């Protein structure tokens, strides 16, 4: 199961549809508060957090850290339309973190998702 968190509704809908077409079960929410609530319900079922980096209230990195505190097996793939330099201050360009630049194509998202799911746990940076 993928937990998708994206505050832009069009991007949320498109990414959810792409991920489902790739064969993943997806739960999508528009903000971190709903993501935390959903994670409480589904806990260990969630294998991947696919989250926007820059969001109101809590950025993607902070969200990932909170969710991984409860689920140490949770992997994370960050996405953003901002340049690498613009998101560096959110701590997402740190070594060992997985990132995909928006806009992305179905093929690119599929490859990156598989890479993250096959790879090691992000917390072992």
N, C-alpha and C. Protein backbone atom coordinates (compact mmCIF):
# COMPACT_ATOMS: atom_id res chain seq x y z
N UNK A 1 0.84 -1.18 0.00
CA UNK A 1 0.00 0.00 0.00
C UNK A 1 0.88 1.24 0.00
N UNK A 2 0.49 2.21 -0.80
CA UNK A 2 1.17 3.50 -0.86
C UNK A 2 0.28 4.54 -0.19
N UNK A 3 0.87 5.35 0.66
CA UNK A 3 0.20 6.51 1.22
C UNK A 3 0.72 7.71 0.43
N UNK A 4 -0.16 8.33 -0.34
CA UNK A 4 0.18 9.47 -1.18
C UNK A 4 -0.32 10.74 -0.51
N UNK A 5 0.60 11.70 -0.33
CA UNK A 5 0.25 12.98 0.29
C UNK A 5 0.69 14.10 -0.65
N UNK A 6 -0.30 14.83 -1.14
CA UNK A 6 -0.04 15.90 -2.12
C UNK A 6 -1.11 16.96 -1.94
N UNK A 7 -0.69 18.22 -1.78
CA UNK A 7 -1.66 19.28 -1.52
C UNK A 7 -2.27 19.90 -2.78
N UNK A 8 -1.74 19.61 -3.94
CA UNK A 8 -2.35 20.08 -5.20
C UNK A 8 -3.27 18.98 -5.72
N UNK A 9 -4.57 19.24 -5.75
CA UNK A 9 -5.56 18.22 -6.07
C UNK A 9 -5.33 17.56 -7.43
N UNK A 10 -5.00 18.33 -8.46
CA UNK A 10 -4.76 17.74 -9.78
C UNK A 10 -3.58 16.77 -9.76
N UNK A 11 -2.52 17.15 -9.08
CA UNK A 11 -1.34 16.28 -8.99
C UNK A 11 -1.67 15.06 -8.15
N UNK A 12 -2.44 15.25 -7.08
CA UNK A 12 -2.87 14.13 -6.24
C UNK A 12 -3.65 13.12 -7.06
N UNK A 13 -4.64 13.60 -7.81
CA UNK A 13 -5.47 12.69 -8.62
C UNK A 13 -4.66 11.97 -9.68
N UNK A 14 -3.79 12.69 -10.38
CA UNK A 14 -2.99 12.09 -11.44
C UNK A 14 -2.01 11.05 -10.87
N UNK A 15 -1.34 11.39 -9.80
CA UNK A 15 -0.36 10.47 -9.19
C UNK A 15 -1.05 9.23 -8.64
N UNK A 16 -2.22 9.42 -8.06
CA UNK A 16 -2.99 8.27 -7.56
C UNK A 16 -3.37 7.35 -8.72
N UNK A 17 -3.85 7.94 -9.80
CA UNK A 17 -4.26 7.14 -10.96
C UNK A 17 -3.08 6.39 -11.58
N UNK A 18 -1.96 7.07 -11.71
CA UNK A 18 -0.75 6.43 -12.26
C UNK A 18 -0.34 5.26 -11.37
N UNK A 19 -0.28 5.49 -10.07
CA UNK A 19 0.16 4.45 -9.13
C UNK A 19 -0.78 3.25 -9.15
N UNK A 20 -2.08 3.51 -9.22
CA UNK A 20 -3.04 2.41 -9.29
C UNK A 20 -2.89 1.64 -10.61
N UNK A 21 -2.65 2.35 -11.70
CA UNK A 21 -2.43 1.69 -12.99
C UNK A 21 -1.15 0.86 -13.00
N UNK A 22 -0.21 1.21 -12.14
CA UNK A 22 1.02 0.42 -12.00
C UNK A 22 0.81 -0.80 -11.09
N UNK A 23 -0.40 -0.91 -10.52
CA UNK A 23 -0.73 -2.08 -9.72
C UNK A 23 -0.67 -1.89 -8.22
N UNK A 24 -0.49 -0.67 -7.76
CA UNK A 24 -0.39 -0.42 -6.33
C UNK A 24 -1.75 -0.07 -5.73
N UNK A 25 -1.93 -0.46 -4.49
CA UNK A 25 -3.09 -0.01 -3.71
C UNK A 25 -2.69 1.34 -3.12
N UNK A 26 -3.50 2.36 -3.32
CA UNK A 26 -3.14 3.72 -2.94
C UNK A 26 -4.20 4.32 -2.03
N UNK A 27 -3.74 4.96 -0.98
CA UNK A 27 -4.59 5.80 -0.14
C UNK A 27 -4.03 7.20 -0.31
N UNK A 28 -4.85 8.13 -0.77
CA UNK A 28 -4.35 9.48 -1.02
C UNK A 28 -5.06 10.50 -0.16
N UNK A 29 -4.29 11.46 0.32
CA UNK A 29 -4.81 12.53 1.16
C UNK A 29 -4.11 13.84 0.78
N UNK A 30 -4.80 14.98 1.03
CA UNK A 30 -4.25 16.27 0.62
C UNK A 30 -3.37 16.98 1.64
N UNK A 31 -3.19 16.40 2.83
CA UNK A 31 -2.38 17.10 3.83
C UNK A 31 -1.82 16.12 4.87
N UNK A 32 -0.89 16.64 5.66
CA UNK A 32 -0.20 15.80 6.63
C UNK A 32 -1.11 15.35 7.77
N UNK A 33 -2.06 16.18 8.18
CA UNK A 33 -2.96 15.78 9.27
C UNK A 33 -3.76 14.54 8.88
N UNK A 34 -4.28 14.53 7.66
CA UNK A 34 -5.03 13.37 7.19
C UNK A 34 -4.12 12.17 7.00
N UNK A 35 -2.88 12.42 6.60
CA UNK A 35 -1.91 11.32 6.44
C UNK A 35 -1.63 10.65 7.79
N UNK A 36 -1.46 11.44 8.82
CA UNK A 36 -1.21 10.89 10.15
C UNK A 36 -2.40 10.06 10.64
N UNK A 37 -3.60 10.56 10.39
CA UNK A 37 -4.81 9.83 10.80
C UNK A 37 -4.94 8.53 10.03
N UNK A 38 -4.69 8.57 8.74
CA UNK A 38 -4.78 7.36 7.91
C UNK A 38 -3.71 6.33 8.33
N UNK A 39 -2.53 6.82 8.64
CA UNK A 39 -1.46 5.92 9.08
C UNK A 39 -1.81 5.24 10.40
N UNK A 40 -2.54 5.93 11.25
CA UNK A 40 -2.98 5.30 12.50
C UNK A 40 -3.91 4.14 12.22
N UNK A 41 -4.76 4.28 11.21
CA UNK A 41 -5.72 3.23 10.86
C UNK A 41 -5.05 2.06 10.16
N UNK A 42 -4.10 2.34 9.29
CA UNK A 42 -3.52 1.29 8.44
C UNK A 42 -2.12 0.86 8.84
N UNK A 43 -1.49 1.58 9.74
CA UNK A 43 -0.21 1.21 10.33
C UNK A 43 0.77 0.49 9.42
N UNK A 44 1.00 -0.78 9.74
CA UNK A 44 2.03 -1.57 9.07
C UNK A 44 1.66 -1.98 7.64
N UNK A 45 0.42 -1.77 7.24
CA UNK A 45 0.01 -2.07 5.86
C UNK A 45 0.69 -1.14 4.86
N UNK A 46 1.02 0.06 5.31
CA UNK A 46 1.61 1.06 4.41
C UNK A 46 3.09 0.74 4.23
N UNK A 47 3.47 0.50 2.98
CA UNK A 47 4.86 0.17 2.68
C UNK A 47 5.67 1.36 2.19
N UNK A 48 4.95 2.34 1.55
CA UNK A 48 5.65 3.47 0.96
C UNK A 48 4.86 4.75 1.20
N UNK A 49 5.57 5.77 1.65
CA UNK A 49 5.02 7.11 1.73
C UNK A 49 5.52 7.86 0.51
N UNK A 50 4.60 8.32 -0.32
CA UNK A 50 4.92 9.14 -1.49
C UNK A 50 4.38 10.52 -1.16
N UNK A 51 5.29 11.45 -0.86
CA UNK A 51 4.85 12.74 -0.34
C UNK A 51 5.51 13.92 -1.02
N UNK A 52 4.72 14.96 -1.18
CA UNK A 52 5.23 16.24 -1.64
C UNK A 52 6.19 16.75 -0.57
N UNK A 53 7.18 17.52 -0.98
CA UNK A 53 8.14 18.06 -0.02
C UNK A 53 7.57 19.29 0.67
N UNK A 54 7.11 20.25 -0.12
CA UNK A 54 6.66 21.53 0.42
C UNK A 54 5.14 21.51 0.54
N UNK A 55 4.68 21.51 1.78
CA UNK A 55 3.24 21.53 2.06
C UNK A 55 3.00 22.46 3.24
N UNK A 56 1.78 22.97 3.35
CA UNK A 56 1.46 23.79 4.53
C UNK A 56 1.48 22.93 5.80
N UNK A 57 1.71 23.54 6.91
CA UNK A 57 1.66 22.94 8.24
C UNK A 57 2.85 22.03 8.56
N UNK A 58 3.15 21.05 7.71
CA UNK A 58 4.24 20.13 7.98
C UNK A 58 4.83 19.72 6.63
N UNK A 59 6.16 19.85 6.49
CA UNK A 59 6.73 19.45 5.20
C UNK A 59 6.86 17.93 5.11
N UNK A 60 7.16 17.45 3.93
CA UNK A 60 7.23 16.01 3.69
C UNK A 60 8.25 15.29 4.55
N UNK A 61 9.37 15.93 4.79
CA UNK A 61 10.42 15.30 5.62
C UNK A 61 9.94 15.12 7.05
N UNK A 62 9.30 16.14 7.60
CA UNK A 62 8.78 16.04 8.96
C UNK A 62 7.71 14.95 9.05
N UNK A 63 6.85 14.89 8.04
CA UNK A 63 5.81 13.87 8.00
C UNK A 63 6.43 12.48 7.97
N UNK A 64 7.42 12.29 7.11
CA UNK A 64 8.08 10.99 7.01
C UNK A 64 8.69 10.58 8.34
N UNK A 65 9.35 11.50 9.01
CA UNK A 65 9.98 11.18 10.29
C UNK A 65 8.95 10.76 11.33
N UNK A 66 7.81 11.43 11.35
CA UNK A 66 6.75 11.06 12.31
C UNK A 66 6.18 9.68 12.00
N UNK A 67 5.94 9.42 10.72
CA UNK A 67 5.37 8.12 10.35
C UNK A 67 6.37 6.99 10.56
N UNK A 68 7.64 7.25 10.28
CA UNK A 68 8.65 6.21 10.45
C UNK A 68 8.94 5.92 11.92
N UNK A 69 8.62 6.85 12.80
CA UNK A 69 8.77 6.59 14.23
C UNK A 69 7.82 5.48 14.67
N UNK A 70 6.67 5.39 14.01
CA UNK A 70 5.68 4.36 14.33
C UNK A 70 5.81 3.13 13.46
N UNK A 71 6.44 3.27 12.29
CA UNK A 71 6.58 2.16 11.34
C UNK A 71 8.00 2.20 10.76
N UNK A 72 8.90 1.51 11.40
CA UNK A 72 10.31 1.57 11.00
C UNK A 72 10.58 0.96 9.63
N UNK A 73 9.63 0.19 9.10
CA UNK A 73 9.80 -0.42 7.78
C UNK A 73 9.31 0.47 6.64
N UNK A 74 8.69 1.59 6.98
CA UNK A 74 8.12 2.48 5.98
C UNK A 74 9.22 3.13 5.15
N UNK A 75 9.07 3.03 3.84
CA UNK A 75 10.00 3.67 2.92
C UNK A 75 9.36 4.95 2.41
N UNK A 76 10.17 5.87 1.91
CA UNK A 76 9.65 7.16 1.51
C UNK A 76 10.24 7.61 0.18
N UNK A 77 9.37 8.15 -0.66
CA UNK A 77 9.77 8.77 -1.92
C UNK A 77 9.19 10.17 -1.92
N UNK A 78 10.08 11.16 -1.97
CA UNK A 78 9.66 12.55 -1.98
C UNK A 78 9.47 13.01 -3.42
N UNK A 79 8.48 13.90 -3.61
CA UNK A 79 8.30 14.51 -4.92
C UNK A 79 8.12 16.00 -4.75
N UNK A 80 8.60 16.75 -5.75
CA UNK A 80 8.49 18.19 -5.69
C UNK A 80 8.66 18.80 -7.07
N UNK A 81 8.00 19.92 -7.27
CA UNK A 81 8.17 20.70 -8.48
C UNK A 81 9.25 21.75 -8.33
N UNK A 82 9.73 21.94 -7.10
CA UNK A 82 10.80 22.90 -6.85
C UNK A 82 12.13 22.31 -7.28
N UNK A 83 13.09 23.17 -7.55
CA UNK A 83 14.43 22.71 -7.92
C UNK A 83 15.12 22.11 -6.70
N UNK A 84 16.16 21.35 -6.93
CA UNK A 84 16.91 20.72 -5.85
C UNK A 84 17.43 21.77 -4.86
N UNK A 85 17.91 22.90 -5.37
CA UNK A 85 18.43 23.95 -4.49
C UNK A 85 17.32 24.53 -3.62
N UNK A 86 16.13 24.69 -4.19
CA UNK A 86 15.02 25.28 -3.45
C UNK A 86 14.51 24.37 -2.34
N UNK A 87 14.63 23.06 -2.51
CA UNK A 87 14.13 22.15 -1.48
C UNK A 87 15.21 21.67 -0.52
N UNK A 88 16.44 22.04 -0.77
CA UNK A 88 17.54 21.58 0.07
C UNK A 88 17.33 21.95 1.53
N UNK A 89 16.78 23.12 1.79
CA UNK A 89 16.58 23.54 3.18
C UNK A 89 15.49 22.75 3.88
N UNK A 90 14.73 21.93 3.16
CA UNK A 90 13.75 21.04 3.79
C UNK A 90 14.37 19.69 4.15
N UNK A 91 15.68 19.54 3.88
CA UNK A 91 16.39 18.33 4.26
C UNK A 91 16.14 17.14 3.37
N UNK A 92 15.60 17.35 2.18
CA UNK A 92 15.24 16.24 1.31
C UNK A 92 16.35 15.90 0.34
N UNK A 93 17.32 16.73 0.17
CA UNK A 93 18.42 16.43 -0.73
C UNK A 93 19.57 15.76 0.01
N UNK A 94 19.35 15.40 1.26
CA UNK A 94 20.37 14.70 2.04
C UNK A 94 20.67 13.35 1.41
N UNK A 95 21.88 12.90 1.61
CA UNK A 95 22.30 11.61 1.07
C UNK A 95 21.40 10.49 1.61
N UNK A 96 21.02 9.59 0.72
CA UNK A 96 20.23 8.43 1.12
C UNK A 96 18.72 8.62 0.99
N UNK A 97 18.28 9.84 0.72
CA UNK A 97 16.86 10.09 0.57
C UNK A 97 16.48 9.96 -0.90
N UNK A 98 15.29 9.44 -1.15
CA UNK A 98 14.81 9.21 -2.52
C UNK A 98 13.89 10.34 -2.95
N UNK A 99 14.09 10.84 -4.17
CA UNK A 99 13.39 12.02 -4.65
C UNK A 99 13.08 11.87 -6.13
N UNK A 100 11.90 12.36 -6.55
CA UNK A 100 11.56 12.44 -7.96
C UNK A 100 11.02 13.84 -8.24
N UNK A 101 11.51 14.41 -9.32
CA UNK A 101 11.14 15.77 -9.71
C UNK A 101 9.82 15.78 -10.46
N UNK A 102 8.91 16.72 -10.09
CA UNK A 102 7.69 16.94 -10.86
C UNK A 102 8.03 17.92 -11.98
N UNK A 103 7.45 17.82 -13.13
CA UNK A 103 6.52 16.77 -13.53
C UNK A 103 7.27 15.47 -13.83
N UNK A 104 6.62 14.36 -13.63
CA UNK A 104 7.21 13.07 -13.93
C UNK A 104 6.25 12.31 -14.83
N UNK A 105 6.77 11.30 -15.48
CA UNK A 105 5.97 10.45 -16.35
C UNK A 105 5.68 9.14 -15.65
N UNK A 106 4.69 8.43 -16.15
CA UNK A 106 4.29 7.14 -15.59
C UNK A 106 5.50 6.21 -15.44
N UNK A 107 6.27 6.10 -16.50
CA UNK A 107 7.43 5.21 -16.50
C UNK A 107 8.43 5.61 -15.40
N UNK A 108 8.70 6.90 -15.30
CA UNK A 108 9.66 7.38 -14.31
C UNK A 108 9.19 7.13 -12.89
N UNK A 109 7.91 7.38 -12.64
CA UNK A 109 7.36 7.13 -11.31
C UNK A 109 7.39 5.64 -11.00
N UNK A 110 7.05 4.82 -11.97
CA UNK A 110 7.08 3.38 -11.76
C UNK A 110 8.47 2.86 -11.43
N UNK A 111 9.46 3.31 -12.18
CA UNK A 111 10.84 2.88 -11.91
C UNK A 111 11.32 3.34 -10.55
N UNK A 112 11.04 4.59 -10.21
CA UNK A 112 11.51 5.13 -8.94
C UNK A 112 10.80 4.45 -7.77
N UNK A 113 9.52 4.17 -7.90
CA UNK A 113 8.78 3.48 -6.86
C UNK A 113 9.38 2.10 -6.62
N UNK A 114 9.65 1.36 -7.69
CA UNK A 114 10.25 0.03 -7.55
C UNK A 114 11.63 0.11 -6.91
N UNK A 115 12.41 1.09 -7.32
CA UNK A 115 13.76 1.27 -6.76
C UNK A 115 13.69 1.48 -5.25
N UNK A 116 12.77 2.32 -4.81
CA UNK A 116 12.64 2.60 -3.38
C UNK A 116 12.14 1.37 -2.63
N UNK A 117 11.15 0.69 -3.17
CA UNK A 117 10.61 -0.49 -2.49
C UNK A 117 11.63 -1.63 -2.42
N UNK A 118 12.48 -1.75 -3.40
CA UNK A 118 13.52 -2.80 -3.39
C UNK A 118 14.70 -2.43 -2.51
N UNK A 119 14.92 -1.13 -2.36
CA UNK A 119 16.11 -0.65 -1.64
C UNK A 119 15.98 -0.75 -0.15
N UNK A 120 16.98 -0.21 0.53
CA UNK A 120 17.01 -0.21 1.99
C UNK A 120 16.08 0.82 2.58
N UNK A 121 15.92 0.73 3.87
CA UNK A 121 15.07 1.65 4.61
C UNK A 121 15.71 3.02 4.65
N UNK A 122 14.94 4.06 4.40
CA UNK A 122 15.44 5.42 4.36
C UNK A 122 16.10 5.82 5.69
N UNK A 123 15.63 5.29 6.79
CA UNK A 123 16.17 5.70 8.08
C UNK A 123 17.62 5.29 8.26
N UNK A 124 18.12 4.41 7.39
CA UNK A 124 19.51 3.99 7.51
C UNK A 124 20.43 4.89 6.73
N UNK A 125 20.04 6.14 6.51
CA UNK A 125 20.82 7.12 5.77
C UNK A 125 22.25 7.00 6.15
